Amino acid sequence: ASAFEGGGRSPSTAPLIEWGQHYAGQLNNH
């Protein structure tokens, strides 16, 4: 229904988080 969302697929594409902030993402089993 929906592919990978949120975060990075490798260290260089990983977003920098902020302490205490809320984040959401989505994985799948494809």
mmCIF file of all heavy atoms, coordinates in Angstrom:
data_MODEL
# 
_entry.id   MODEL 
# 
loop_
_atom_site.group_PDB 
_atom_site.id 
_atom_site.type_symbol 
_atom_site.label_atom_id 
_atom_site.label_alt_id 
_atom_site.label_comp_id 
_atom_site.label_asym_id 
_atom_site.label_entity_id 
_atom_site.label_seq_id 
_atom_site.pdbx_PDB_ins_code 
_atom_site.Cartn_x 
_atom_site.Cartn_y 
_atom_site.Cartn_z 
_atom_site.occupancy 
_atom_site.B_iso_or_equiv 
_atom_site.pdbx_formal_charge 
_atom_site.auth_seq_id 
_atom_site.auth_comp_id 
_atom_site.auth_asym_id 
_atom_site.auth_atom_id 
_atom_site.pdbx_PDB_model_num 
ATOM 1   N N   . ALA A 1 1  ? 0.834  -1.210 0.000  1.00 0.00 ? 1  ALA A N   1 
ATOM 2   C CA  . ALA A 1 1  ? 0.000  0.000  0.000  1.00 0.00 ? 1  ALA A CA  1 
ATOM 3   C C   . ALA A 1 1  ? 0.860  1.248  0.000  1.00 0.00 ? 1  ALA A C   1 
ATOM 4   O O   . ALA A 1 1  ? 0.508  2.255  -0.584 1.00 0.00 ? 1  ALA A O   1 
ATOM 5   C CB  . ALA A 1 1  ? -0.923 -0.020 1.212  1.00 0.00 ? 1  ALA A CB  1 
ATOM 6   N N   . SER A 1 2  ? 2.017  1.198  0.670  1.00 0.00 ? 2  SER A N   1 
ATOM 7   C CA  . SER A 1 2  ? 2.911  2.342  0.702  1.00 0.00 ? 2  SER A CA  1 
ATOM 8   C C   . SER A 1 2  ? 4.325  1.834  0.914  1.00 0.00 ? 2  SER A C   1 
ATOM 9   O O   . SER A 1 2  ? 4.544  0.871  1.651  1.00 0.00 ? 2  SER A O   1 
ATOM 10  C CB  . SER A 1 2  ? 2.508  3.298  1.826  1.00 0.00 ? 2  SER A CB  1 
ATOM 11  O OG  . SER A 1 2  ? 3.390  4.399  1.880  1.00 0.00 ? 2  SER A OG  1 
ATOM 12  N N   . ALA A 1 3  ? 5.300  2.438  0.274  1.00 0.00 ? 3  ALA A N   1 
ATOM 13  C CA  . ALA A 1 3  ? 6.683  1.973  0.371  1.00 0.00 ? 3  ALA A CA  1 
ATOM 14  C C   . ALA A 1 3  ? 7.349  2.567  1.609  1.00 0.00 ? 3  ALA A C   1 
ATOM 15  O O   . ALA A 1 3  ? 6.707  3.158  2.459  1.00 0.00 ? 3  ALA A O   1 
ATOM 16  C CB  . ALA A 1 3  ? 7.429  2.360  -0.898 1.00 0.00 ? 3  ALA A CB  1 
ATOM 17  N N   . PHE A 1 4  ? 8.671  2.420  1.657  1.00 0.00 ? 4  PHE A N   1 
ATOM 18  C CA  . PHE A 1 4  ? 9.487  2.937  2.755  1.00 0.00 ? 4  PHE A CA  1 
ATOM 19  C C   . PHE A 1 4  ? 9.273  4.438  2.934  1.00 0.00 ? 4  PHE A C   1 
ATOM 20  O O   . PHE A 1 4  ? 9.296  5.202  1.988  1.00 0.00 ? 4  PHE A O   1 
ATOM 21  C CB  . PHE A 1 4  ? 10.951 2.635  2.424  1.00 0.00 ? 4  PHE A CB  1 
ATOM 22  C CG  . PHE A 1 4  ? 11.942 3.155  3.408  1.00 0.00 ? 4  PHE A CG  1 
ATOM 23  C CD1 . PHE A 1 4  ? 12.452 2.320  4.392  1.00 0.00 ? 4  PHE A CD1 1 
ATOM 24  C CD2 . PHE A 1 4  ? 12.385 4.461  3.350  1.00 0.00 ? 4  PHE A CD2 1 
ATOM 25  C CE1 . PHE A 1 4  ? 13.392 2.792  5.291  1.00 0.00 ? 4  PHE A CE1 1 
ATOM 26  C CE2 . PHE A 1 4  ? 13.310 4.945  4.242  1.00 0.00 ? 4  PHE A CE2 1 
ATOM 27  C CZ  . PHE A 1 4  ? 13.819 4.103  5.227  1.00 0.00 ? 4  PHE A CZ  1 
ATOM 28  N N   . GLU A 1 5  ? 9.104  4.876  4.191  1.00 0.00 ? 5  GLU A N   1 
ATOM 29  C CA  . GLU A 1 5  ? 8.958  6.304  4.494  1.00 0.00 ? 5  GLU A CA  1 
ATOM 30  C C   . GLU A 1 5  ? 9.717  6.622  5.773  1.00 0.00 ? 5  GLU A C   1 
ATOM 31  O O   . GLU A 1 5  ? 9.744  5.825  6.705  1.00 0.00 ? 5  GLU A O   1 
ATOM 32  C CB  . GLU A 1 5  ? 7.486  6.691  4.679  1.00 0.00 ? 5  GLU A CB  1 
ATOM 33  C CG  . GLU A 1 5  ? 6.636  6.572  3.431  1.00 0.00 ? 5  GLU A CG  1 
ATOM 34  C CD  . GLU A 1 5  ? 5.187  6.920  3.709  1.00 0.00 ? 5  GLU A CD  1 
ATOM 35  O OE1 . GLU A 1 5  ? 4.878  7.340  4.838  1.00 0.00 ? 5  GLU A OE1 1 
ATOM 36  O OE2 . GLU A 1 5  ? 4.356  6.746  2.804  1.00 0.00 ? 5  GLU A OE2 1 
ATOM 37  N N   . GLY A 1 6  ? 10.289 7.811  5.847  1.00 0.00 ? 6  GLY A N   1 
ATOM 38  C CA  . GLY A 1 6  ? 10.986 8.262  7.053  1.00 0.00 ? 6  GLY A CA  1 
ATOM 39  C C   . GLY A 1 6  ? 12.344 7.620  7.207  1.00 0.00 ? 6  GLY A C   1 
ATOM 40  O O   . GLY A 1 6  ? 12.575 6.487  6.786  1.00 0.00 ? 6  GLY A O   1 
ATOM 41  N N   . GLY A 1 7  ? 13.297 8.345  7.827  1.00 0.00 ? 7  GLY A N   1 
ATOM 42  C CA  . GLY A 1 7  ? 14.635 7.803  8.009  1.00 0.00 ? 7  GLY A CA  1 
ATOM 43  C C   . GLY A 1 7  ? 15.416 7.766  6.714  1.00 0.00 ? 7  GLY A C   1 
ATOM 44  O O   . GLY A 1 7  ? 14.956 8.213  5.659  1.00 0.00 ? 7  GLY A O   1 
ATOM 45  N N   . GLY A 1 8  ? 16.634 7.228  6.782  1.00 0.00 ? 8  GLY A N   1 
ATOM 46  C CA  . GLY A 1 8  ? 17.481 7.106  5.603  1.00 0.00 ? 8  GLY A CA  1 
ATOM 47  C C   . GLY A 1 8  ? 17.754 5.660  5.284  1.00 0.00 ? 8  GLY A C   1 
ATOM 48  O O   . GLY A 1 8  ? 17.681 4.783  6.148  1.00 0.00 ? 8  GLY A O   1 
ATOM 49  N N   . ARG A 1 9  ? 18.105 5.403  4.018  1.00 0.00 ? 9  ARG A N   1 
ATOM 50  C CA  . ARG A 1 9  ? 18.431 4.046  3.603  1.00 0.00 ? 9  ARG A CA  1 
ATOM 51  C C   . ARG A 1 9  ? 19.907 3.720  3.844  1.00 0.00 ? 9  ARG A C   1 
ATOM 52  O O   . ARG A 1 9  ? 20.332 2.584  3.671  1.00 0.00 ? 9  ARG A O   1 
ATOM 53  C CB  . ARG A 1 9  ? 18.109 3.868  2.112  1.00 0.00 ? 9  ARG A CB  1 
ATOM 54  C CG  . ARG A 1 9  ? 16.667 4.181  1.728  1.00 0.00 ? 9  ARG A CG  1 
ATOM 55  C CD  . ARG A 1 9  ? 15.713 3.142  2.252  1.00 0.00 ? 9  ARG A CD  1 
ATOM 56  N NE  . ARG A 1 9  ? 15.689 1.965  1.383  1.00 0.00 ? 9  ARG A NE  1 
ATOM 57  C CZ  . ARG A 1 9  ? 15.007 0.851  1.651  1.00 0.00 ? 9  ARG A CZ  1 
ATOM 58  N NH1 . ARG A 1 9  ? 14.327 0.758  2.785  1.00 0.00 ? 9  ARG A NH1 1 
ATOM 59  N NH2 . ARG A 1 9  ? 15.020 -0.173 0.820  1.00 0.00 ? 9  ARG A NH2 1 
ATOM 60  N N   . SER A 1 10 ? 20.683 4.714  4.258  1.00 0.00 ? 10 SER A N   1 
ATOM 61  C CA  . SER A 1 10 ? 22.101 4.541  4.548  1.00 0.00 ? 10 SER A CA  1 
ATOM 62  C C   . SER A 1 10 ? 22.494 5.652  5.527  1.00 0.00 ? 10 SER A C   1 
ATOM 63  O O   . SER A 1 10 ? 21.754 6.632  5.696  1.00 0.00 ? 10 SER A O   1 
ATOM 64  C CB  . SER A 1 10 ? 22.932 4.638  3.262  1.00 0.00 ? 10 SER A CB  1 
ATOM 65  O OG  . SER A 1 10 ? 22.801 5.933  2.699  1.00 0.00 ? 10 SER A OG  1 
ATOM 66  N N   . PRO A 1 11 ? 23.663 5.561  6.166  1.00 0.00 ? 11 PRO A N   1 
ATOM 67  C CA  . PRO A 1 11 ? 24.070 6.609  7.105  1.00 0.00 ? 11 PRO A CA  1 
ATOM 68  C C   . PRO A 1 11 ? 24.119 8.001  6.487  1.00 0.00 ? 11 PRO A C   1 
ATOM 69  O O   . PRO A 1 11 ? 23.726 8.982  7.124  1.00 0.00 ? 11 PRO A O   1 
ATOM 70  C CB  . PRO A 1 11 ? 25.464 6.147  7.560  1.00 0.00 ? 11 PRO A CB  1 
ATOM 71  C CG  . PRO A 1 11 ? 25.390 4.659  7.482  1.00 0.00 ? 11 PRO A CG  1 
ATOM 72  C CD  . PRO A 1 11 ? 24.559 4.382  6.249  1.00 0.00 ? 11 PRO A CD  1 
ATOM 73  N N   . SER A 1 12 ? 24.596 8.104  5.244  1.00 0.00 ? 12 SER A N   1 
ATOM 74  C CA  . SER A 1 12 ? 24.722 9.437  4.639  1.00 0.00 ? 12 SER A CA  1 
ATOM 75  C C   . SER A 1 12 ? 23.375 10.081 4.346  1.00 0.00 ? 12 SER A C   1 
ATOM 76  O O   . SER A 1 12 ? 23.294 11.304 4.195  1.00 0.00 ? 12 SER A O   1 
ATOM 77  C CB  . SER A 1 12 ? 25.553 9.352  3.348  1.00 0.00 ? 12 SER A CB  1 
ATOM 78  O OG  . SER A 1 12 ? 24.888 8.537  2.391  1.00 0.00 ? 12 SER A OG  1 
ATOM 79  N N   . THR A 1 13 ? 22.312 9.291  4.244  1.00 0.00 ? 13 THR A N   1 
ATOM 80  C CA  . THR A 1 13 ? 20.978 9.855  3.963  1.00 0.00 ? 13 THR A CA  1 
ATOM 81  C C   . THR A 1 13 ? 20.101 9.909  5.211  1.00 0.00 ? 13 THR A C   1 
ATOM 82  O O   . THR A 1 13 ? 18.938 10.295 5.125  1.00 0.00 ? 13 THR A O   1 
ATOM 83  C CB  . THR A 1 13 ? 20.260 9.018  2.890  1.00 0.00 ? 13 THR A CB  1 
ATOM 84  O OG1 . THR A 1 13 ? 20.121 7.658  3.352  1.00 0.00 ? 13 THR A OG1 1 
ATOM 85  C CG2 . THR A 1 13 ? 21.039 9.028  1.586  1.00 0.00 ? 13 THR A CG2 1 
ATOM 86  N N   . ALA A 1 14 ? 20.656 9.527  6.370  1.00 0.00 ? 14 ALA A N   1 
ATOM 87  C CA  . ALA A 1 14 ? 19.868 9.513  7.603  1.00 0.00 ? 14 ALA A CA  1 
ATOM 88  C C   . ALA A 1 14 ? 19.627 10.937 8.094  1.00 0.00 ? 14 ALA A C   1 
ATOM 89  O O   . ALA A 1 14 ? 20.579 11.718 8.214  1.00 0.00 ? 14 ALA A O   1 
ATOM 90  C CB  . ALA A 1 14 ? 20.586 8.711  8.671  1.00 0.00 ? 14 ALA A CB  1 
ATOM 91  N N   . PRO A 1 15 ? 18.395 11.319 8.395  1.00 0.00 ? 15 PRO A N   1 
ATOM 92  C CA  . PRO A 1 15 ? 18.123 12.652 8.920  1.00 0.00 ? 15 PRO A CA  1 
ATOM 93  C C   . PRO A 1 15 ? 18.610 12.790 10.370 1.00 0.00 ? 15 PRO A C   1 
ATOM 94  O O   . PRO A 1 15 ? 18.592 11.821 11.136 1.00 0.00 ? 15 PRO A O   1 
ATOM 95  C CB  . PRO A 1 15 ? 16.598 12.766 8.842  1.00 0.00 ? 15 PRO A CB  1 
ATOM 96  C CG  . PRO A 1 15 ? 16.107 11.365 8.857  1.00 0.00 ? 15 PRO A CG  1 
ATOM 97  C CD  . PRO A 1 15 ? 17.157 10.527 8.204  1.00 0.00 ? 15 PRO A CD  1 
ATOM 98  N N   . LEU A 1 16 ? 19.060 13.999 10.709 1.00 0.00 ? 16 LEU A N   1 
ATOM 99  C CA  . LEU A 1 16 ? 19.496 14.291 12.072 1.00 0.00 ? 16 LEU A CA  1 
ATOM 100 C C   . LEU A 1 16 ? 18.270 14.621 12.919 1.00 0.00 ? 16 LEU A C   1 
ATOM 101 O O   . LEU A 1 16 ? 17.498 15.514 12.579 1.00 0.00 ? 16 LEU A O   1 
ATOM 102 C CB  . LEU A 1 16 ? 20.471 15.473 12.077 1.00 0.00 ? 16 LEU A CB  1 
ATOM 103 C CG  . LEU A 1 16 ? 20.935 15.972 13.448 1.00 0.00 ? 16 LEU A CG  1 
ATOM 104 C CD1 . LEU A 1 16 ? 21.767 14.895 14.161 1.00 0.00 ? 16 LEU A CD1 1 
ATOM 105 C CD2 . LEU A 1 16 ? 21.729 17.269 13.305 1.00 0.00 ? 16 LEU A CD2 1 
ATOM 106 N N   . ILE A 1 17 ? 18.093 13.903 14.027 1.00 0.00 ? 17 ILE A N   1 
ATOM 107 C CA  . ILE A 1 17 ? 16.936 14.156 14.879 1.00 0.00 ? 17 ILE A CA  1 
ATOM 108 C C   . ILE A 1 17 ? 17.258 15.239 15.898 1.00 0.00 ? 17 ILE A C   1 
ATOM 109 O O   . ILE A 1 17 ? 18.420 15.595 16.113 1.00 0.00 ? 17 ILE A O   1 
ATOM 110 C CB  . ILE A 1 17 ? 16.475 12.874 15.605 1.00 0.00 ? 17 ILE A CB  1 
ATOM 111 C CG1 . ILE A 1 17 ? 17.490 12.492 16.692 1.00 0.00 ? 17 ILE A CG1 1 
ATOM 112 C CG2 . ILE A 1 17 ? 16.275 11.726 14.631 1.00 0.00 ? 17 ILE A CG2 1 
ATOM 113 C CD1 . ILE A 1 17 ? 16.952 11.498 17.685 1.00 0.00 ? 17 ILE A CD1 1 
ATOM 114 N N   . GLU A 1 18 ? 16.238 15.753 16.547 1.00 0.00 ? 18 GLU A N   1 
ATOM 115 C CA  . GLU A 1 18 ? 16.374 16.679 17.672 1.00 0.00 ? 18 GLU A CA  1 
ATOM 116 C C   . GLU A 1 18 ? 15.846 15.981 18.919 1.00 0.00 ? 18 GLU A C   1 
ATOM 117 O O   . GLU A 1 18 ? 14.840 15.265 18.864 1.00 0.00 ? 18 GLU A O   1 
ATOM 118 C CB  . GLU A 1 18 ? 15.600 17.975 17.433 1.00 0.00 ? 18 GLU A CB  1 
ATOM 119 C CG  . GLU A 1 18 ? 16.128 18.811 16.295 1.00 0.00 ? 18 GLU A CG  1 
ATOM 120 C CD  . GLU A 1 18 ? 15.365 20.122 16.145 1.00 0.00 ? 18 GLU A CD  1 
ATOM 121 O OE1 . GLU A 1 18 ? 14.744 20.557 17.145 1.00 0.00 ? 18 GLU A OE1 1 
ATOM 122 O OE2 . GLU A 1 18 ? 15.377 20.685 15.049 1.00 0.00 ? 18 GLU A OE2 1 
ATOM 123 N N   . TRP A 1 19 ? 16.533 16.204 20.034 1.00 0.00 ? 19 TRP A N   1 
ATOM 124 C CA  . TRP A 1 19 ? 16.098 15.589 21.286 1.00 0.00 ? 19 TRP A CA  1 
ATOM 125 C C   . TRP A 1 19 ? 14.662 16.009 21.608 1.00 0.00 ? 19 TRP A C   1 
ATOM 126 O O   . TRP A 1 19 ? 14.318 17.178 21.541 1.00 0.00 ? 19 TRP A O   1 
ATOM 127 C CB  . TRP A 1 19 ? 17.011 15.980 22.446 1.00 0.00 ? 19 TRP A CB  1 
ATOM 128 C CG  . TRP A 1 19 ? 18.464 15.674 22.266 1.00 0.00 ? 19 TRP A CG  1 
ATOM 129 C CD1 . TRP A 1 19 ? 19.490 16.565 22.291 1.00 0.00 ? 19 TRP A CD1 1 
ATOM 130 C CD2 . TRP A 1 19 ? 19.075 14.392 22.064 1.00 0.00 ? 19 TRP A CD2 1 
ATOM 131 N NE1 . TRP A 1 19 ? 20.691 15.936 22.110 1.00 0.00 ? 19 TRP A NE1 1 
ATOM 132 C CE2 . TRP A 1 19 ? 20.471 14.600 21.973 1.00 0.00 ? 19 TRP A CE2 1 
ATOM 133 C CE3 . TRP A 1 19 ? 18.583 13.093 21.948 1.00 0.00 ? 19 TRP A CE3 1 
ATOM 134 C CZ2 . TRP A 1 19 ? 21.380 13.559 21.784 1.00 0.00 ? 19 TRP A CZ2 1 
ATOM 135 C CZ3 . TRP A 1 19 ? 19.482 12.049 21.749 1.00 0.00 ? 19 TRP A CZ3 1 
ATOM 136 C CH2 . TRP A 1 19 ? 20.859 12.279 21.671 1.00 0.00 ? 19 TRP A CH2 1 
ATOM 137 N N   . GLY A 1 20 ? 13.852 15.036 21.954 1.00 0.00 ? 20 GLY A N   1 
ATOM 138 C CA  . GLY A 1 20 ? 12.488 15.307 22.401 1.00 0.00 ? 20 GLY A CA  1 
ATOM 139 C C   . GLY A 1 20 ? 11.467 15.486 21.301 1.00 0.00 ? 20 GLY A C   1 
ATOM 140 O O   . GLY A 1 20 ? 10.264 15.529 21.588 1.00 0.00 ? 20 GLY A O   1 
ATOM 141 N N   . GLN A 1 21 ? 11.887 15.569 20.038 1.00 0.00 ? 21 GLN A N   1 
ATOM 142 C CA  . GLN A 1 21 ? 10.945 15.749 18.938 1.00 0.00 ? 21 GLN A CA  1 
ATOM 143 C C   . GLN A 1 21 ? 10.344 14.401 18.520 1.00 0.00 ? 21 GLN A C   1 
ATOM 144 O O   . GLN A 1 21 ? 10.959 13.355 18.669 1.00 0.00 ? 21 GLN A O   1 
ATOM 145 C CB  . GLN A 1 21 ? 11.643 16.387 17.736 1.00 0.00 ? 21 GLN A CB  1 
ATOM 146 C CG  . GLN A 1 21 ? 12.103 17.817 17.984 1.00 0.00 ? 21 GLN A CG  1 
ATOM 147 C CD  . GLN A 1 21 ? 10.942 18.751 18.250 1.00 0.00 ? 21 GLN A CD  1 
ATOM 148 O OE1 . GLN A 1 21 ? 9.961  18.778 17.516 1.00 0.00 ? 21 GLN A OE1 1 
ATOM 149 N NE2 . GLN A 1 21 ? 11.040 19.513 19.342 1.00 0.00 ? 21 GLN A NE2 1 
ATOM 150 N N   . HIS A 1 22 ? 9.132  14.470 17.977 1.00 0.00 ? 22 HIS A N   1 
ATOM 151 C CA  . HIS A 1 22 ? 8.421  13.257 17.568 1.00 0.00 ? 22 HIS A CA  1 
ATOM 152 C C   . HIS A 1 22 ? 8.650  12.999 16.081 1.00 0.00 ? 22 HIS A C   1 
ATOM 153 O O   . HIS A 1 22 ? 8.561  13.920 15.258 1.00 0.00 ? 22 HIS A O   1 
ATOM 154 C CB  . HIS A 1 22 ? 6.922  13.403 17.855 1.00 0.00 ? 22 HIS A CB  1 
ATOM 155 C CG  . HIS A 1 22 ? 6.125  12.184 17.522 1.00 0.00 ? 22 HIS A CG  1 
ATOM 156 N ND1 . HIS A 1 22 ? 5.430  12.041 16.338 1.00 0.00 ? 22 HIS A ND1 1 
ATOM 157 C CD2 . HIS A 1 22 ? 5.917  11.034 18.215 1.00 0.00 ? 22 HIS A CD2 1 
ATOM 158 C CE1 . HIS A 1 22 ? 4.822  10.879 16.321 1.00 0.00 ? 22 HIS A CE1 1 
ATOM 159 N NE2 . HIS A 1 22 ? 5.096  10.239 17.454 1.00 0.00 ? 22 HIS A NE2 1 
ATOM 160 N N   . TYR A 1 23 ? 8.941  11.733 15.734 1.00 0.00 ? 23 TYR A N   1 
ATOM 161 C CA  . TYR A 1 23 ? 9.193  11.354 14.347 1.00 0.00 ? 23 TYR A CA  1 
ATOM 162 C C   . TYR A 1 23 ? 8.381  10.105 14.003 1.00 0.00 ? 23 TYR A C   1 
ATOM 163 O O   . TYR A 1 23 ? 8.051  9.310  14.883 1.00 0.00 ? 23 TYR A O   1 
ATOM 164 C CB  . TYR A 1 23 ? 10.685 11.070 14.123 1.00 0.00 ? 23 TYR A CB  1 
ATOM 165 C CG  . TYR A 1 23 ? 11.557 12.275 14.352 1.00 0.00 ? 23 TYR A CG  1 
ATOM 166 C CD1 . TYR A 1 23 ? 12.103 12.519 15.614 1.00 0.00 ? 23 TYR A CD1 1 
ATOM 167 C CD2 . TYR A 1 23 ? 11.812 13.183 13.333 1.00 0.00 ? 23 TYR A CD2 1 
ATOM 168 C CE1 . TYR A 1 23 ? 12.885 13.640 15.844 1.00 0.00 ? 23 TYR A CE1 1 
ATOM 169 C CE2 . TYR A 1 23 ? 12.602 14.307 13.553 1.00 0.00 ? 23 TYR A CE2 1 
ATOM 170 C CZ  . TYR A 1 23 ? 13.132 14.530 14.808 1.00 0.00 ? 23 TYR A CZ  1 
ATOM 171 O OH  . TYR A 1 23 ? 13.900 15.637 15.031 1.00 0.00 ? 23 TYR A OH  1 
ATOM 172 N N   . ALA A 1 24 ? 8.064  9.960  12.731 1.00 0.00 ? 24 ALA A N   1 
ATOM 173 C CA  . ALA A 1 24 ? 7.298  8.805  12.267 1.00 0.00 ? 24 ALA A CA  1 
ATOM 174 C C   . ALA A 1 24 ? 7.907  8.277  10.972 1.00 0.00 ? 24 ALA A C   1 
ATOM 175 O O   . ALA A 1 24 ? 8.505  9.023  10.190 1.00 0.00 ? 24 ALA A O   1 
ATOM 176 C CB  . ALA A 1 24 ? 5.832  9.186  12.040 1.00 0.00 ? 24 ALA A CB  1 
ATOM 177 N N   . GLY A 1 25 ? 7.776  6.986  10.763 1.00 0.00 ? 25 GLY A N   1 
ATOM 178 C CA  . GLY A 1 25 ? 8.272  6.356  9.548  1.00 0.00 ? 25 GLY A CA  1 
ATOM 179 C C   . GLY A 1 25 ? 7.467  5.117  9.230  1.00 0.00 ? 25 GLY A C   1 
ATOM 180 O O   . GLY A 1 25 ? 6.492  4.783  9.920  1.00 0.00 ? 25 GLY A O   1 
ATOM 181 N N   . GLN A 1 26 ? 7.872  4.433  8.181  1.00 0.00 ? 26 GLN A N   1 
ATOM 182 C CA  . GLN A 1 26 ? 7.137  3.237  7.758  1.00 0.00 ? 26 GLN A CA  1 
ATOM 183 C C   . GLN A 1 26 ? 8.092  2.269  7.083  1.00 0.00 ? 26 GLN A C   1 
ATOM 184 O O   . GLN A 1 26 ? 8.888  2.657  6.227  1.00 0.00 ? 26 GLN A O   1 
ATOM 185 C CB  . GLN A 1 26 ? 6.019  3.635  6.799  1.00 0.00 ? 26 GLN A CB  1 
ATOM 186 C CG  . GLN A 1 26 ? 5.091  2.488  6.437  1.00 0.00 ? 26 GLN A CG  1 
ATOM 187 C CD  . GLN A 1 26 ? 3.806  3.005  5.812  1.00 0.00 ? 26 GLN A CD  1 
ATOM 188 O OE1 . GLN A 1 26 ? 2.828  3.248  6.485  1.00 0.00 ? 26 GLN A OE1 1 
ATOM 189 N NE2 . GLN A 1 26 ? 3.843  3.189  4.493  1.00 0.00 ? 26 GLN A NE2 1 
ATOM 190 N N   . LEU A 1 27 ? 8.033  1.012  7.496  1.00 0.00 ? 27 LEU A N   1 
ATOM 191 C CA  . LEU A 1 27 ? 8.800  -0.068 6.887  1.00 0.00 ? 27 LEU A CA  1 
ATOM 192 C C   . LEU A 1 27 ? 7.841  -1.022 6.183  1.00 0.00 ? 27 LEU A C   1 
ATOM 193 O O   . LEU A 1 27 ? 6.624  -0.853 6.261  1.00 0.00 ? 27 LEU A O   1 
ATOM 194 C CB  . LEU A 1 27 ? 9.593  -0.819 7.966  1.00 0.00 ? 27 LEU A CB  1 
ATOM 195 C CG  . LEU A 1 27 ? 10.561 0.029  8.798  1.00 0.00 ? 27 LEU A CG  1 
ATOM 196 C CD1 . LEU A 1 27 ? 11.073 -0.778 9.981  1.00 0.00 ? 27 LEU A CD1 1 
ATOM 197 C CD2 . LEU A 1 27 ? 11.729 0.517  7.945  1.00 0.00 ? 27 LEU A CD2 1 
ATOM 198 N N   . ASN A 1 28 ? 8.390  -2.024 5.498  1.00 0.00 ? 28 ASN A N   1 
ATOM 199 C CA  . ASN A 1 28 ? 7.530  -3.038 4.885  1.00 0.00 ? 28 ASN A CA  1 
ATOM 200 C C   . ASN A 1 28 ? 8.278  -4.355 4.772  1.00 0.00 ? 28 ASN A C   1 
ATOM 201 O O   . ASN A 1 28 ? 9.468  -4.435 5.102  1.00 0.00 ? 28 ASN A O   1 
ATOM 202 C CB  . ASN A 1 28 ? 7.023  -2.569 3.513  1.00 0.00 ? 28 ASN A CB  1 
ATOM 203 C CG  . ASN A 1 28 ? 8.150  -2.350 2.535  1.00 0.00 ? 28 ASN A CG  1 
ATOM 204 O OD1 . ASN A 1 28 ? 8.784  -3.302 2.081  1.00 0.00 ? 28 ASN A OD1 1 
ATOM 205 N ND2 . ASN A 1 28 ? 8.405  -1.084 2.189  1.00 0.00 ? 28 ASN A ND2 1 
ATOM 206 N N   . ASN A 1 29 ? 7.575  -5.392 4.367  1.00 0.00 ? 29 ASN A N   1 
ATOM 207 C CA  . ASN A 1 29 ? 8.186  -6.716 4.261  1.00 0.00 ? 29 ASN A CA  1 
ATOM 208 C C   . ASN A 1 29 ? 8.418  -7.148 2.816  1.00 0.00 ? 29 ASN A C   1 
ATOM 209 O O   . ASN A 1 29 ? 8.517  -8.332 2.517  1.00 0.00 ? 29 ASN A O   1 
ATOM 210 C CB  . ASN A 1 29 ? 7.332  -7.762 4.990  1.00 0.00 ? 29 ASN A CB  1 
ATOM 211 C CG  . ASN A 1 29 ? 5.927  -7.861 4.389  1.00 0.00 ? 29 ASN A CG  1 
ATOM 212 O OD1 . ASN A 1 29 ? 5.549  -7.079 3.518  1.00 0.00 ? 29 ASN A OD1 1 
ATOM 213 N ND2 . ASN A 1 29 ? 5.140  -8.817 4.880  1.00 0.00 ? 29 ASN A ND2 1 
ATOM 214 N N   . HIS A 1 30 ? 8.514  -6.163 1.900  1.00 0.00 ? 30 HIS A N   1 
ATOM 215 C CA  . HIS A 1 30 ? 8.727  -6.439 0.480  1.00 0.00 ? 30 HIS A CA  1 
ATOM 216 C C   . HIS A 1 30 ? 10.203 -6.735 0.229  1.00 0.00 ? 30 HIS A C   1 
ATOM 217 O O   . HIS A 1 30 ? 11.077 -5.904 0.504  1.00 0.00 ? 30 HIS A O   1 
ATOM 218 C CB  . HIS A 1 30 ? 8.275  -5.216 -0.339 1.00 0.00 ? 30 HIS A CB  1 
ATOM 219 C CG  . HIS A 1 30 ? 8.222  -5.473 -1.801 1.00 0.00 ? 30 HIS A CG  1 
ATOM 220 N ND1 . HIS A 1 30 ? 8.035  -4.455 -2.714 1.00 0.00 ? 30 HIS A ND1 1 
ATOM 221 C CD2 . HIS A 1 30 ? 8.335  -6.624 -2.521 1.00 0.00 ? 30 HIS A CD2 1 
ATOM 222 C CE1 . HIS A 1 30 ? 8.028  -4.968 -3.932 1.00 0.00 ? 30 HIS A CE1 1 
ATOM 223 N NE2 . HIS A 1 30 ? 8.214  -6.278 -3.833 1.00 0.00 ? 30 HIS A NE2 1 
# 
